[in-house]
Protein backbone atom coordinates (compact mmCIF):
# COMPACT_ATOMS: atom_id res chain seq x y z
CA UNK A 1 92.28 119.70 91.82
CA UNK A 2 91.66 122.59 89.70
CA UNK A 3 93.23 123.22 85.91
CA UNK A 4 95.88 125.54 87.34
CA UNK A 5 97.13 123.20 89.93
CA UNK A 6 97.02 120.54 87.77
CA UNK A 7 99.10 122.79 85.66
CA UNK A 8 101.65 123.47 88.48
CA UNK A 9 102.40 120.27 89.30
CA UNK A 10 103.11 119.22 85.92
CA UNK A 11 105.52 122.28 85.88
CA UNK A 12 107.46 120.95 88.69
CA UNK A 13 107.70 117.23 87.70
CA UNK A 14 108.77 118.56 84.42
CA UNK A 15 111.20 120.59 86.06
CA UNK A 16 112.16 117.93 88.27
CA UNK A 17 112.11 115.63 86.40
CA UNK A 18 114.45 117.47 83.29
CA UNK A 19 111.91 116.89 80.50
CA UNK A 20 112.23 119.30 77.91
CA UNK A 21 108.23 119.64 77.69
CA UNK A 22 105.00 119.86 79.82
CA UNK A 23 103.69 117.55 76.89
CA UNK A 24 105.91 114.08 78.44
CA UNK A 25 105.30 114.79 81.75
CA UNK A 26 101.54 114.47 80.58
CA UNK A 27 101.76 111.71 78.39
CA UNK A 28 103.23 109.73 80.75
CA UNK A 29 101.02 110.66 83.91
CA UNK A 30 98.58 109.44 81.73
CA UNK A 31 99.87 106.03 81.28
CA UNK A 32 100.27 105.82 84.84
CA UNK A 33 96.94 106.42 85.65
CA UNK A 34 95.52 104.31 82.48
CA UNK A 35 97.21 101.15 84.13
CA UNK A 36 96.64 101.76 87.78
CA UNK A 37 92.74 102.55 86.15
CA UNK A 38 93.39 98.81 84.83
CA UNK A 39 94.77 97.34 88.01
CA UNK A 40 91.58 98.71 89.83
CA UNK A 41 88.88 97.44 87.59
CA UNK A 42 90.78 94.01 87.91
CA UNK A 43 91.19 93.85 91.30
CA UNK A 44 87.20 94.69 91.52
CA UNK A 45 86.66 91.95 89.15
CA UNK A 46 88.83 89.71 91.74
CA UNK A 47 87.01 90.79 94.73
CA UNK A 48 83.55 90.39 92.78
CA UNK A 49 84.26 86.97 91.64
CA UNK A 50 82.83 88.20 88.03
């Protein structure tokens, strides 16, 4: 996804959720992404029995 597409996506999410600014949307999205990354690593560690 290009930067332009990401900004359009964030703007759409911002409007749909009623957030005052795109920074709130980005902060929440990053938090969700970080959480998903940790979950994925945990699953891999468990799968690889490390």
